[in-house]
Amino acid sequence: MKRKRSFFVLLGAICIGLLTQLSPSLADKRVALVIGNAKYKNTPALANPANDASDVAEALKAIGFEVTLAIDVDKRQMDQALAQFARASTKADASLFYYAGHGMQYQGRQSGG
């Protein structure tokens, strides 16, 4: 599990590094939604998602993204953040979504770990 997490943290760092190479003229408006869920109602709390999300949010802000950071949100709050992000993304040149936490399921298909 630790190896899998390290891979994804490395992959995220590489992606953020590549984003820093974007010229402002290529991405005038950059928006990001960063969610870190560590506390859950029916499962044990996780140690790192809130910290990981905060670190990613700071890195994205440093390269010019307008970041919405959501920590330990419930389903309703996540839906609201996603709807707001979708609206902002229609007017953005670059959009990025980052999620740290237990795996998510969408339309019956699970992703994450």
PDB file of N, CA and C in Angstrom:
ATOM      1  N   MET A   1       0.825  -1.192   0.000  1.00  0.00           N
ATOM      2  CA  MET A   1       0.000   0.000   0.000  1.00  0.00           C
ATOM      3  C   MET A   1       0.868   1.254   0.000  1.00  0.00           C
ATOM      4  N   LYS A   2       1.922   1.235   0.803  1.00  0.00           N
ATOM      5  CA  LYS A   2       2.814   2.388   0.879  1.00  0.00           C
ATOM      6  C   LYS A   2       3.482   2.631  -0.474  1.00  0.00           C
ATOM      7  N   ARG A   3       3.840   1.535  -1.159  1.00  0.00           N
ATOM      8  CA  ARG A   3       4.480   1.648  -2.474  1.00  0.00           C
ATOM      9  C   ARG A   3       3.533   2.275  -3.488  1.00  0.00           C
ATOM     10  N   LYS A   4       2.256   1.853  -3.442  1.00  0.00           N
ATOM     11  CA  LYS A   4       1.248   2.393  -4.358  1.00  0.00           C
ATOM     12  C   LYS A   4       1.064   3.895  -4.110  1.00  0.00           C
ATOM     13  N   ARG A   5       0.981   4.293  -2.835  1.00  0.00           N
ATOM     14  CA  ARG A   5       0.820   5.710  -2.497  1.00  0.00           C
ATOM     15  C   ARG A   5       2.015   6.518  -2.973  1.00  0.00           C
ATOM     16  N   SER A   6       3.219   5.997  -2.781  1.00  0.00           N
ATOM     17  CA  SER A   6       4.423   6.698  -3.209  1.00  0.00           C
ATOM     18  C   SER A   6       4.417   6.917  -4.712  1.00  0.00           C
ATOM     19  N   PHE A   7       3.944   5.917  -5.459  1.00  0.00           N
ATOM     20  CA  PHE A   7       3.868   6.046  -6.913  1.00  0.00           C
ATOM     21  C   PHE A   7       2.953   7.205  -7.297  1.00  0.00           C
ATOM     22  N   PHE A   8       1.772   7.284  -6.656  1.00  0.00           N
ATOM     23  CA  PHE A   8       0.823   8.328  -7.008  1.00  0.00           C
ATOM     24  C   PHE A   8       1.296   9.707  -6.573  1.00  0.00           C
ATOM     25  N   VAL A   9       1.977   9.796  -5.446  1.00  0.00           N
ATOM     26  CA  VAL A   9       2.539  11.082  -5.026  1.00  0.00           C
ATOM     27  C   VAL A   9       3.598  11.520  -6.031  1.00  0.00           C
ATOM     28  N   LEU A  10       4.439  10.583  -6.476  1.00  0.00           N
ATOM     29  CA  LEU A  10       5.463  10.890  -7.481  1.00  0.00           C
ATOM     30  C   LEU A  10       4.808  11.310  -8.792  1.00  0.00           C
ATOM     31  N   LEU A  11       3.790  10.583  -9.208  1.00  0.00           N
ATOM     32  CA  LEU A  11       3.082  10.922 -10.442  1.00  0.00           C
ATOM     33  C   LEU A  11       2.471  12.315 -10.347  1.00  0.00           C
ATOM     34  N   GLY A  12       1.885  12.637  -9.194  1.00  0.00           N
ATOM     35  CA  GLY A  12       1.316  13.969  -8.997  1.00  0.00           C
ATOM     36  C   GLY A  12       2.374  15.051  -9.062  1.00  0.00           C
ATOM     37  N   ALA A  13       3.529  14.779  -8.466  1.00  0.00           N
ATOM     38  CA  ALA A  13       4.619  15.756  -8.496  1.00  0.00           C
ATOM     39  C   ALA A  13       5.102  15.993  -9.925  1.00  0.00           C
ATOM     40  N   ILE A  14       5.168  14.929 -10.703  1.00  0.00           N
ATOM     41  CA  ILE A  14       5.585  15.059 -12.108  1.00  0.00           C
ATOM     42  C   ILE A  14       4.566  15.895 -12.873  1.00  0.00           C
ATOM     43  N   CYS A  15       3.280  15.620 -12.652  1.00  0.00           N
ATOM     44  CA  CYS A  15       2.239  16.382 -13.354  1.00  0.00           C
ATOM     45  C   CYS A  15       2.296  17.857 -12.984  1.00  0.00           C
ATOM     46  N   ILE A  16       2.464  18.140 -11.706  1.00  0.00           N
ATOM     47  CA  ILE A  16       2.557  19.539 -11.279  1.00  0.00           C
ATOM     48  C   ILE A  16       3.794  20.183 -11.882  1.00  0.00           C
ATOM     49  N   GLY A  17       4.899  19.436 -11.942  1.00  0.00           N
ATOM     50  CA  GLY A  17       6.117  19.950 -12.559  1.00  0.00           C
ATOM     51  C   GLY A  17       5.893  20.297 -14.020  1.00  0.00           C
ATOM     52  N   LEU A  18       5.171  19.443 -14.723  1.00  0.00           N
ATOM     53  CA  LEU A  18       4.880  19.720 -16.135  1.00  0.00           C
ATOM     54  C   LEU A  18       3.983  20.946 -16.282  1.00  0.00           C
ATOM     55  N   LEU A  19       3.045  21.087 -15.362  1.00  0.00           N
ATOM     56  CA  LEU A  19       2.154  22.248 -15.422  1.00  0.00           C
ATOM     57  C   LEU A  19       2.909  23.554 -15.224  1.00  0.00           C
ATOM     58  N   THR A  20       3.985  23.512 -14.467  1.00  0.00           N
ATOM     59  CA  THR A  20       4.749  24.741 -14.250  1.00  0.00           C
ATOM     60  C   THR A  20       5.406  25.225 -15.533  1.00  0.00           C
ATOM     61  N   GLN A  21       5.523  24.333 -16.503  1.00  0.00           N
ATOM     62  CA  GLN A  21       6.142  24.700 -17.772  1.00  0.00           C
ATOM     63  C   GLN A  21       5.167  25.415 -18.715  1.00  0.00           C
ATOM     64  N   LEU A  22       3.889  25.429 -18.357  1.00  0.00           N
ATOM     65  CA  LEU A  22       2.908  26.104 -19.198  1.00  0.00           C
ATOM     66  C   LEU A  22       3.176  27.600 -19.227  1.00  0.00           C
ATOM     67  N   SER A  23       3.165  28.133 -20.387  1.00  0.00           N
ATOM     68  CA  SER A  23       3.289  29.580 -20.529  1.00  0.00           C
ATOM     69  C   SER A  23       1.981  30.224 -20.096  1.00  0.00           C
ATOM     70  N   PRO A  24       2.031  31.364 -19.447  1.00  0.00           N
ATOM     71  CA  PRO A  24       0.787  32.042 -19.091  1.00  0.00           C
ATOM     72  C   PRO A  24      -0.114  32.280 -20.294  1.00  0.00           C
ATOM     73  N   SER A  25       0.467  32.443 -21.462  1.00  0.00           N
ATOM     74  CA  SER A  25      -0.357  32.663 -22.655  1.00  0.00           C
ATOM     75  C   SER A  25      -1.096  31.400 -23.062  1.00  0.00           C
ATOM     76  N   LEU A  26      -0.597  30.226 -22.647  1.00  0.00           N
ATOM     77  CA  LEU A  26      -1.275  28.976 -22.969  1.00  0.00           C
ATOM     78  C   LEU A  26      -2.380  28.660 -21.963  1.00  0.00           C
ATOM     79  N   ALA A  27      -2.285  29.214 -20.802  1.00  0.00           N
ATOM     80  CA  ALA A  27      -3.283  28.919 -19.765  1.00  0.00           C
ATOM     81  C   ALA A  27      -3.505  30.165 -18.917  1.00  0.00           C
ATOM     82  N   ASP A  28      -4.246  31.108 -19.481  1.00  0.00           N
ATOM     83  CA  ASP A  28      -4.493  32.359 -18.771  1.00  0.00           C
ATOM     84  C   ASP A  28      -5.297  32.148 -17.498  1.00  0.00           C
ATOM     85  N   LYS A  29      -6.333  31.356 -17.579  1.00  0.00           N
ATOM     86  CA  LYS A  29      -7.166  31.088 -16.403  1.00  0.00           C
ATOM     87  C   LYS A  29      -7.047  29.614 -16.062  1.00  0.00           C
ATOM     88  N   ARG A  30      -6.557  29.351 -14.849  1.00  0.00           N
ATOM     89  CA  ARG A  30      -6.352  27.982 -14.379  1.00  0.00           C
ATOM     90  C   ARG A  30      -7.173  27.785 -13.113  1.00  0.00           C
ATOM     91  N   VAL A  31      -7.973  26.750 -13.098  1.00  0.00           N
ATOM     92  CA  VAL A  31      -8.778  26.445 -11.919  1.00  0.00           C
ATOM     93  C   VAL A  31      -8.494  25.016 -11.466  1.00  0.00           C
ATOM     94  N   ALA A  32      -8.589  24.813 -10.154  1.00  0.00           N
ATOM     95  CA  ALA A  32      -8.370  23.477  -9.608  1.00  0.00           C
ATOM     96  C   ALA A  32      -9.305  23.248  -8.431  1.00  0.00           C
ATOM     97  N   LEU A  33      -9.769  22.028  -8.338  1.00  0.00           N
ATOM     98  CA  LEU A  33     -10.515  21.581  -7.170  1.00  0.00           C
ATOM     99  C   LEU A  33      -9.670  20.500  -6.515  1.00  0.00           C
ATOM    100  N   VAL A  34      -9.330  20.705  -5.256  1.00  0.00           N
ATOM    101  CA  VAL A  34      -8.497  19.766  -4.505  1.00  0.00           C
ATOM    102  C   VAL A  34      -9.291  19.318  -3.288  1.00  0.00           C
ATOM    103  N   ILE A  35      -9.528  18.012  -3.193  1.00  0.00           N
ATOM    104  CA  ILE A  35     -10.299  17.453  -2.088  1.00  0.00           C
ATOM    105  C   ILE A  35      -9.433  16.468  -1.319  1.00  0.00           C
ATOM    106  N   GLY A  36      -9.428  16.602  -0.016  1.00  0.00           N
ATOM    107  CA  GLY A  36      -8.725  15.661   0.855  1.00  0.00           C
ATOM    108  C   GLY A  36      -9.662  15.161   1.931  1.00  0.00           C
ATOM    109  N   ASN A  37     -10.062  13.899   1.832  1.00  0.00           N
ATOM    110  CA  ASN A  37     -10.970  13.318   2.816  1.00  0.00           C
ATOM    111  C   ASN A  37     -10.239  12.264   3.634  1.00  0.00           C
ATOM    112  N   ALA A  38     -10.093  12.542   4.923  1.00  0.00           N
ATOM    113  CA  ALA A  38      -9.401  11.615   5.824  1.00  0.00           C
ATOM    114  C   ALA A  38     -10.345  11.022   6.861  1.00  0.00           C
ATOM    115  N   LYS A  39     -11.407  11.727   7.180  1.00  0.00           N
ATOM    116  CA  LYS A  39     -12.337  11.277   8.219  1.00  0.00           C
ATOM    117  C   LYS A  39     -13.623  10.777   7.567  1.00  0.00           C
ATOM    118  N   TYR A  40     -13.998   9.559   7.936  1.00  0.00           N
ATOM    119  CA  TYR A  40     -15.182   8.929   7.362  1.00  0.00           C
ATOM    120  C   TYR A  40     -16.096   8.441   8.469  1.00  0.00           C
ATOM    121  N   LYS A  41     -17.383   8.391   8.159  1.00  0.00           N
ATOM    122  CA  LYS A  41     -18.380   7.961   9.128  1.00  0.00           C
ATOM    123  C   LYS A  41     -18.249   6.477   9.471  1.00  0.00           C
ATOM    124  N   ASN A  42     -18.040   5.631   8.476  1.00  0.00           N
ATOM    125  CA  ASN A  42     -18.092   4.181   8.679  1.00  0.00           C
ATOM    126  C   ASN A  42     -16.769   3.453   8.443  1.00  0.00           C
ATOM    127  N   THR A  43     -15.695   4.170   8.292  1.00  0.00           N
ATOM    128  CA  THR A  43     -14.383   3.540   8.101  1.00  0.00           C
ATOM    129  C   THR A  43     -13.348   4.290   8.937  1.00  0.00           C
ATOM    130  N   PRO A  44     -12.231   3.643   9.199  1.00  0.00           N
ATOM    131  CA  PRO A  44     -11.191   4.321   9.986  1.00  0.00           C
ATOM    132  C   PRO A  44     -10.651   5.557   9.262  1.00  0.00           C
ATOM    133  N   ALA A  45     -10.236   6.526  10.042  1.00  0.00           N
ATOM    134  CA  ALA A  45      -9.653   7.749   9.475  1.00  0.00           C
ATOM    135  C   ALA A  45      -8.327   7.431   8.803  1.00  0.00           C
ATOM    136  N   LEU A  46      -7.994   8.193   7.799  1.00  0.00           N
ATOM    137  CA  LEU A  46      -6.719   8.053   7.089  1.00  0.00           C
ATOM    138  C   LEU A  46      -5.752   9.123   7.597  1.00  0.00           C
ATOM    139  N   ALA A  47      -4.478   8.827   7.511  1.00  0.00           N
ATOM    140  CA  ALA A  47      -3.463   9.728   8.072  1.00  0.00           C
ATOM    141  C   ALA A  47      -3.099  10.897   7.155  1.00  0.00           C
ATOM    142  N   ASN A  48      -3.065  10.695   5.844  1.00  0.00           N
ATOM    143  CA  ASN A  48      -2.427  11.669   4.969  1.00  0.00           C
ATOM    144  C   ASN A  48      -3.289  12.515   4.035  1.00  0.00           C
ATOM    145  N   PRO A  49      -4.508  12.165   3.702  1.00  0.00           N
ATOM    146  CA  PRO A  49      -5.217  12.924   2.664  1.00  0.00           C
ATOM    147  C   PRO A  49      -5.313  14.427   2.890  1.00  0.00           C
ATOM    148  N   ALA A  50      -5.595  14.863   4.084  1.00  0.00           N
ATOM    149  CA  ALA A  50      -5.710  16.309   4.321  1.00  0.00           C
ATOM    150  C   ALA A  50      -4.376  17.007   4.081  1.00  0.00           C
ATOM    151  N   ASN A  51      -3.288  16.400   4.555  1.00  0.00           N
ATOM    152  CA  ASN A  51      -1.960  16.980   4.338  1.00  0.00           C
ATOM    153  C   ASN A  51      -1.589  16.979   2.862  1.00  0.00           C
ATOM    154  N   ASP A  52      -1.852  15.860   2.178  1.00  0.00           N
ATOM    155  CA  ASP A  52      -1.541  15.766   0.750  1.00  0.00           C
ATOM    156  C   ASP A  52      -2.313  16.816  -0.041  1.00  0.00           C
ATOM    157  N   ALA A  53      -3.607  16.937   0.243  1.00  0.00           N
ATOM    158  CA  ALA A  53      -4.437  17.903  -0.475  1.00  0.00           C
ATOM    159  C   ALA A  53      -3.957  19.330  -0.225  1.00  0.00           C
ATOM    160  N   SER A  54      -3.612  19.631   0.999  1.00  0.00           N
ATOM    161  CA  SER A  54      -3.117  20.978   1.314  1.00  0.00           C
ATOM    162  C   SER A  54      -1.815  21.275   0.580  1.00  0.00           C
ATOM    163  N   ASP A  55      -0.914  20.292   0.520  1.00  0.00           N
ATOM    164  CA  ASP A  55       0.354  20.477  -0.193  1.00  0.00           C
ATOM    165  C   ASP A  55       0.132  20.681  -1.689  1.00  0.00           C
ATOM    166  N   VAL A  56      -0.752  19.880  -2.273  1.00  0.00           N
ATOM    167  CA  VAL A  56      -1.047  20.016  -3.707  1.00  0.00           C
ATOM    168  C   VAL A  56      -1.688  21.370  -3.978  1.00  0.00           C
ATOM    169  N   ALA A  57      -2.604  21.792  -3.116  1.00  0.00           N
ATOM    170  CA  ALA A  57      -3.263  23.093  -3.299  1.00  0.00           C
ATOM    171  C   ALA A  57      -2.241  24.221  -3.281  1.00  0.00           C
ATOM    172  N   GLU A  58      -1.314  24.183  -2.350  1.00  0.00           N
ATOM    173  CA  GLU A  58      -0.280  25.225  -2.274  1.00  0.00           C
ATOM    174  C   GLU A  58       0.600  25.222  -3.526  1.00  0.00           C
ATOM    175  N   ALA A  59       0.965  24.038  -3.993  1.00  0.00           N
ATOM    176  CA  ALA A  59       1.801  23.941  -5.202  1.00  0.00           C
ATOM    177  C   ALA A  59       1.060  24.502  -6.419  1.00  0.00           C
ATOM    178  N   LEU A  60      -0.230  24.209  -6.519  1.00  0.00           N
ATOM    179  CA  LEU A  60      -1.012  24.719  -7.649  1.00  0.00           C
ATOM    180  C   LEU A  60      -1.182  26.239  -7.576  1.00  0.00           C
ATOM    181  N   LYS A  61      -1.401  26.755  -6.382  1.00  0.00           N
ATOM    182  CA  LYS A  61      -1.492  28.211  -6.220  1.00  0.00           C
ATOM    183  C   LYS A  61      -0.190  28.887  -6.647  1.00  0.00           C
ATOM    184  N   ALA A  62       0.914  28.244  -6.331  1.00  0.00           N
ATOM    185  CA  ALA A  62       2.228  28.813  -6.661  1.00  0.00           C
ATOM    186  C   ALA A  62       2.450  28.929  -8.161  1.00  0.00           C
ATOM    187  N   ILE A  63       1.736  28.111  -8.945  1.00  0.00           N
ATOM    188  CA  ILE A  63       1.906  28.189 -10.400  1.00  0.00           C
ATOM    189  C   ILE A  63       0.701  28.831 -11.085  1.00  0.00           C
ATOM    190  N   GLY A  64      -0.096  29.570 -10.301  1.00  0.00           N
ATOM    191  CA  GLY A  64      -1.129  30.393 -10.903  1.00  0.00           C
ATOM    192  C   GLY A  64      -2.530  29.825 -10.971  1.00  0.00           C
ATOM    193  N   PHE A  65      -2.794  28.740 -10.289  1.00  0.00           N
ATOM    194  CA  PHE A  65      -4.147  28.191 -10.279  1.00  0.00           C
ATOM    195  C   PHE A  65      -4.998  28.892  -9.232  1.00  0.00           C
ATOM    196  N   GLU A  66      -6.267  29.091  -9.559  1.00  0.00           N
ATOM    197  CA  GLU A  66      -7.271  29.474  -8.574  1.00  0.00           C
ATOM    198  C   GLU A  66      -7.758  28.165  -7.974  1.00  0.00           C
ATOM    199  N   VAL A  67      -7.469  27.938  -6.703  1.00  0.00           N
ATOM    200  CA  VAL A  67      -7.704  26.636  -6.087  1.00  0.00           C
ATOM    201  C   VAL A  67      -8.856  26.692  -5.095  1.00  0.00           C
ATOM    202  N   THR A  68      -9.752  25.729  -5.216  1.00  0.00           N
ATOM    203  CA  THR A  68     -10.754  25.479  -4.195  1.00  0.00           C
ATOM    204  C   THR A  68     -10.292  24.243  -3.444  1.00  0.00           C
ATOM    205  N   LEU A  69     -10.035  24.400  -2.152  1.00  0.00           N
ATOM    206  CA  LEU A  69      -9.565  23.305  -1.307  1.00  0.00           C
ATOM    207  C   LEU A  69     -10.700  22.886  -0.386  1.00  0.00           C
ATOM    208  N   ALA A  70     -11.025  21.603  -0.411  1.00  0.00           N
ATOM    209  CA  ALA A  70     -12.089  21.061   0.444  1.00  0.00           C
ATOM    210  C   ALA A  70     -11.509  19.903   1.254  1.00  0.00           C
ATOM    211  N   ILE A  71     -11.586  20.025   2.570  1.00  0.00           N
ATOM    212  CA  ILE A  71     -11.049  19.000   3.464  1.00  0.00           C
ATOM    213  C   ILE A  71     -12.200  18.362   4.239  1.00  0.00           C
ATOM    214  N   ASP A  72     -12.219  17.032   4.252  1.00  0.00           N
ATOM    215  CA  ASP A  72     -13.210  16.252   5.011  1.00  0.00           C
ATOM    216  C   ASP A  72     -14.636  16.697   4.732  1.00  0.00           C
ATOM    217  N   VAL A  73     -14.983  16.703   3.463  1.00  0.00           N
ATOM    218  CA  VAL A  73     -16.329  17.100   3.051  1.00  0.00           C
ATOM    219  C   VAL A  73     -17.246  15.883   2.981  1.00  0.00           C
ATOM    220  N   ASP A  74     -18.531  16.125   3.204  1.00  0.00           N
ATOM    221  CA  ASP A  74     -19.512  15.046   3.055  1.00  0.00           C
ATOM    222  C   ASP A  74     -19.994  15.022   1.601  1.00  0.00           C
ATOM    223  N   LYS A  75     -20.894  14.124   1.295  1.00  0.00           N
ATOM    224  CA  LYS A  75     -21.371  13.952  -0.089  1.00  0.00           C
ATOM    225  C   LYS A  75     -21.985  15.245  -0.623  1.00  0.00           C
ATOM    226  N   ARG A  76     -22.807  15.883   0.172  1.00  0.00           N
ATOM    227  CA  ARG A  76     -23.470  17.122  -0.275  1.00  0.00           C
ATOM    228  C   ARG A  76     -22.442  18.213  -0.579  1.00  0.00           C
ATOM    229  N   GLN A  77     -21.484  18.397   0.320  1.00  0.00           N
ATOM    230  CA  GLN A  77     -20.451  19.411   0.118  1.00  0.00           C
ATOM    231  C   GLN A  77     -19.590  19.077  -1.099  1.00  0.00           C
ATOM    232  N   MET A  78     -19.298  17.782  -1.310  1.00  0.00           N
ATOM    233  CA  MET A  78     -18.504  17.388  -2.476  1.00  0.00           C
ATOM    234  C   MET A  78     -19.273  17.668  -3.766  1.00  0.00           C
ATOM    235  N   ASP A  79     -20.560  17.345  -3.768  1.00  0.00           N
ATOM    236  CA  ASP A  79     -21.382  17.632  -4.949  1.00  0.00           C
ATOM    237  C   ASP A  79     -21.403  19.128  -5.259  1.00  0.00           C
ATOM    238  N   GLN A  80     -21.522  19.956  -4.225  1.00  0.00           N
ATOM    239  CA  GLN A  80     -21.525  21.407  -4.424  1.00  0.00           C
ATOM    240  C   GLN A  80     -20.184  21.882  -4.976  1.00  0.00           C
ATOM    241  N   ALA A  81     -19.100  21.370  -4.424  1.00  0.00           N
ATOM    242  CA  ALA A  81     -17.764  21.766  -4.900  1.00  0.00           C
ATOM    243  C   ALA A  81     -17.559  21.329  -6.349  1.00  0.00           C
ATOM    244  N   LEU A  82     -18.008  20.135  -6.683  1.00  0.00           N
ATOM    245  CA  LEU A  82     -17.867  19.643  -8.064  1.00  0.00           C
ATOM    246  C   LEU A  82     -18.701  20.478  -9.039  1.00  0.00           C
ATOM    247  N   ALA A  83     -19.902  20.862  -8.634  1.00  0.00           N
ATOM    248  CA  ALA A  83     -20.746  21.690  -9.503  1.00  0.00           C
ATOM    249  C   ALA A  83     -20.115  23.064  -9.722  1.00  0.00           C
ATOM    250  N   GLN A  84     -19.587  23.647  -8.653  1.00  0.00           N
ATOM    251  CA  GLN A  84     -18.916  24.946  -8.769  1.00  0.00           C
ATOM    252  C   GLN A  84     -17.681  24.821  -9.665  1.00  0.00           C
ATOM    253  N   PHE A  85     -16.931  23.734  -9.495  1.00  0.00           N
ATOM    254  CA  PHE A  85     -15.736  23.494 -10.313  1.00  0.00           C
ATOM    255  C   PHE A  85     -16.108  23.315 -11.782  1.00  0.00           C
ATOM    256  N   ALA A  86     -17.185  22.597 -12.041  1.00  0.00           N
ATOM    257  CA  ALA A  86     -17.628  22.388 -13.424  1.00  0.00           C
ATOM    258  C   ALA A  86     -17.972  23.722 -14.086  1.00  0.00           C
ATOM    259  N   ARG A  87     -18.653  24.589 -13.346  1.00  0.00           N
ATOM    260  CA  ARG A  87     -18.982  25.913 -13.889  1.00  0.00           C
ATOM    261  C   ARG A  87     -17.716  26.730 -14.153  1.00  0.00           C
ATOM    262  N   ALA A  88     -16.795  26.724 -13.208  1.00  0.00           N
ATOM    263  CA  ALA A  88     -15.548  27.483 -13.374  1.00  0.00           C
ATOM    264  C   ALA A  88     -14.713  26.924 -14.523  1.00  0.00           C
ATOM    265  N   SER A  89     -14.765  25.618 -14.718  1.00  0.00           N
ATOM    266  CA  SER A  89     -13.961  24.975 -15.762  1.00  0.00           C
ATOM    267  C   SER A  89     -14.394  25.376 -17.167  1.00  0.00           C
ATOM    268  N   THR A  90     -15.665  25.709 -17.336  1.00  0.00           N
ATOM    269  CA  THR A  90     -16.131  26.080 -18.677  1.00  0.00           C
ATOM    270  C   THR A  90     -15.499  27.382 -19.149  1.00  0.00           C
ATOM    271  N   LYS A  91     -15.050  28.219 -18.207  1.00  0.00           N
ATOM    272  CA  LYS A  91     -14.434  29.498 -18.560  1.00  0.00           C
ATOM    273  C   LYS A  91     -12.914  29.471 -18.397  1.00  0.00           C
ATOM    274  N   ALA A  92     -12.354  28.300 -18.092  1.00  0.00           N
ATOM    275  CA  ALA A  92     -10.917  28.196 -17.811  1.00  0.00           C
ATOM    276  C   ALA A  92     -10.155  27.622 -19.002  1.00  0.00           C
ATOM    277  N   ASP A  93      -8.886  28.001 -19.070  1.00  0.00           N
ATOM    278  CA  ASP A  93      -8.000  27.445 -20.091  1.00  0.00           C
ATOM    279  C   ASP A  93      -7.401  26.114 -19.631  1.00  0.00           C
ATOM    280  N   ALA A  94      -7.295  25.934 -18.324  1.00  0.00           N
ATOM    281  CA  ALA A  94      -6.773  24.687 -17.760  1.00  0.00           C
ATOM    282  C   ALA A  94      -7.545  24.375 -16.490  1.00  0.00           C
ATOM    283  N   SER A  95      -7.933  23.107 -16.335  1.00  0.00           N
ATOM    284  CA  SER A  95      -8.663  22.668 -15.147  1.00  0.00           C
ATOM    285  C   SER A  95      -7.992  21.416 -14.602  1.00  0.00           C
ATOM    286  N   LEU A  96      -7.956  21.313 -13.268  1.00  0.00           N
ATOM    287  CA  LEU A  96      -7.326  20.163 -12.642  1.00  0.00           C
ATOM    288  C   LEU A  96      -8.134  19.751 -11.426  1.00  0.00           C
ATOM    289  N   PHE A  97      -8.393  18.450 -11.296  1.00  0.00           N
ATOM    290  CA  PHE A  97      -9.096  17.905 -10.140  1.00  0.00           C
ATOM    291  C   PHE A  97      -8.158  16.932  -9.449  1.00  0.00           C
ATOM    292  N   TYR A  98      -8.019  17.093  -8.120  1.00  0.00           N
ATOM    293  CA  TYR A  98      -7.167  16.208  -7.325  1.00  0.00           C
ATOM    294  C   TYR A  98      -7.977  15.713  -6.136  1.00  0.00           C
ATOM    295  N   TYR A  99      -7.945  14.404  -5.907  1.00  0.00           N
ATOM    296  CA  TYR A  99      -8.663  13.809  -4.789  1.00  0.00           C
ATOM    297  C   TYR A  99      -7.730  12.909  -4.008  1.00  0.00           C
ATOM    298  N   ALA A 100      -7.699  13.088  -2.693  1.00  0.00           N
ATOM    299  CA  ALA A 100      -6.953  12.199  -1.806  1.00  0.00           C
ATOM    300  C   ALA A 100      -7.933  11.655  -0.779  1.00  0.00           C
ATOM    301  N   GLY A 101      -7.964  10.351  -0.623  1.00  0.00           N
ATOM    302  CA  GLY A 101      -8.877   9.728   0.326  1.00  0.00           C
ATOM    303  C   GLY A 101      -9.148   8.303  -0.094  1.00  0.00           C
ATOM    304  N   HIS A 102     -10.167   7.707   0.522  1.00  0.00           N
ATOM    305  CA  HIS A 102     -10.567   6.358   0.121  1.00  0.00           C
ATOM    306  C   HIS A 102     -11.057   6.402  -1.319  1.00  0.00           C
ATOM    307  N   GLY A 103     -11.003   5.273  -1.988  1.00  0.00           N
ATOM    308  CA  GLY A 103     -11.437   5.177  -3.379  1.00  0.00           C
ATOM    309  C   GLY A 103     -12.865   5.653  -3.567  1.00  0.00           C
ATOM    310  N   MET A 104     -13.152   6.089  -4.765  1.00  0.00           N
ATOM    311  CA  MET A 104     -14.476   6.604  -5.079  1.00  0.00           C
ATOM    312  C   MET A 104     -15.139   5.663  -6.080  1.00  0.00           C
ATOM    313  N   GLN A 105     -16.456   5.680  -6.108  1.00  0.00           N
ATOM    314  CA  GLN A 105     -17.207   4.884  -7.063  1.00  0.00           C
ATOM    315  C   GLN A 105     -18.105   5.813  -7.864  1.00  0.00           C
ATOM    316  N   TYR A 106     -18.089   5.626  -9.171  1.00  0.00           N
ATOM    317  CA  TYR A 106     -18.921   6.433 -10.053  1.00  0.00           C
ATOM    318  C   TYR A 106     -19.579   5.511 -11.054  1.00  0.00           C
ATOM    319  N   GLN A 107     -20.896   5.565 -11.141  1.00  0.00           N
ATOM    320  CA  GLN A 107     -21.680   4.736 -12.043  1.00  0.00           C
ATOM    321  C   GLN A 107     -21.290   3.261 -11.916  1.00  0.00           C
ATOM    322  N   GLY A 108     -21.129   2.817 -10.658  1.00  0.00           N
ATOM    323  CA  GLY A 108     -20.855   1.408 -10.411  1.00  0.00           C
ATOM    324  C   GLY A 108     -19.424   0.972 -10.625  1.00  0.00           C
ATOM    325  N   ARG A 109     -18.541   1.884 -10.948  1.00  0.00           N
ATOM    326  CA  ARG A 109     -17.135   1.548 -11.176  1.00  0.00           C
ATOM    327  C   ARG A 109     -16.285   2.238 -10.126  1.00  0.00           C
ATOM    328  N   GLN A 110     -15.421   1.464  -9.476  1.00  0.00           N
ATOM    329  CA  GLN A 110     -14.585   2.004  -8.419  1.00  0.00           C
ATOM    330  C   GLN A 110     -13.237   2.437  -8.965  1.00  0.00           C
ATOM    331  N   SER A 111     -12.714   3.541  -8.404  1.00  0.00           N
ATOM    332  CA  SER A 111     -11.369   3.985  -8.723  1.00  0.00           C
ATOM    333  C   SER A 111     -10.664   4.318  -7.427  1.00  0.00           C
ATOM    334  N   GLY A 112      -9.384   4.409  -7.468  1.00  0.00           N
ATOM    335  CA  GLY A 112      -8.626   4.732  -6.254  1.00  0.00           C
ATOM    336  C   GLY A 112      -8.327   3.504  -5.432  1.00  0.00           C
ATOM    337  N   GLY A 113      -7.788   3.735  -4.215  1.00  0.00           N
ATOM    338  CA  GLY A 113      -7.386   2.601  -3.408  1.00  0.00           C
ATOM    339  C   GLY A 113      -7.676   2.745  -1.971  1.00  0.00           C
TER     340      GLY A 113
END
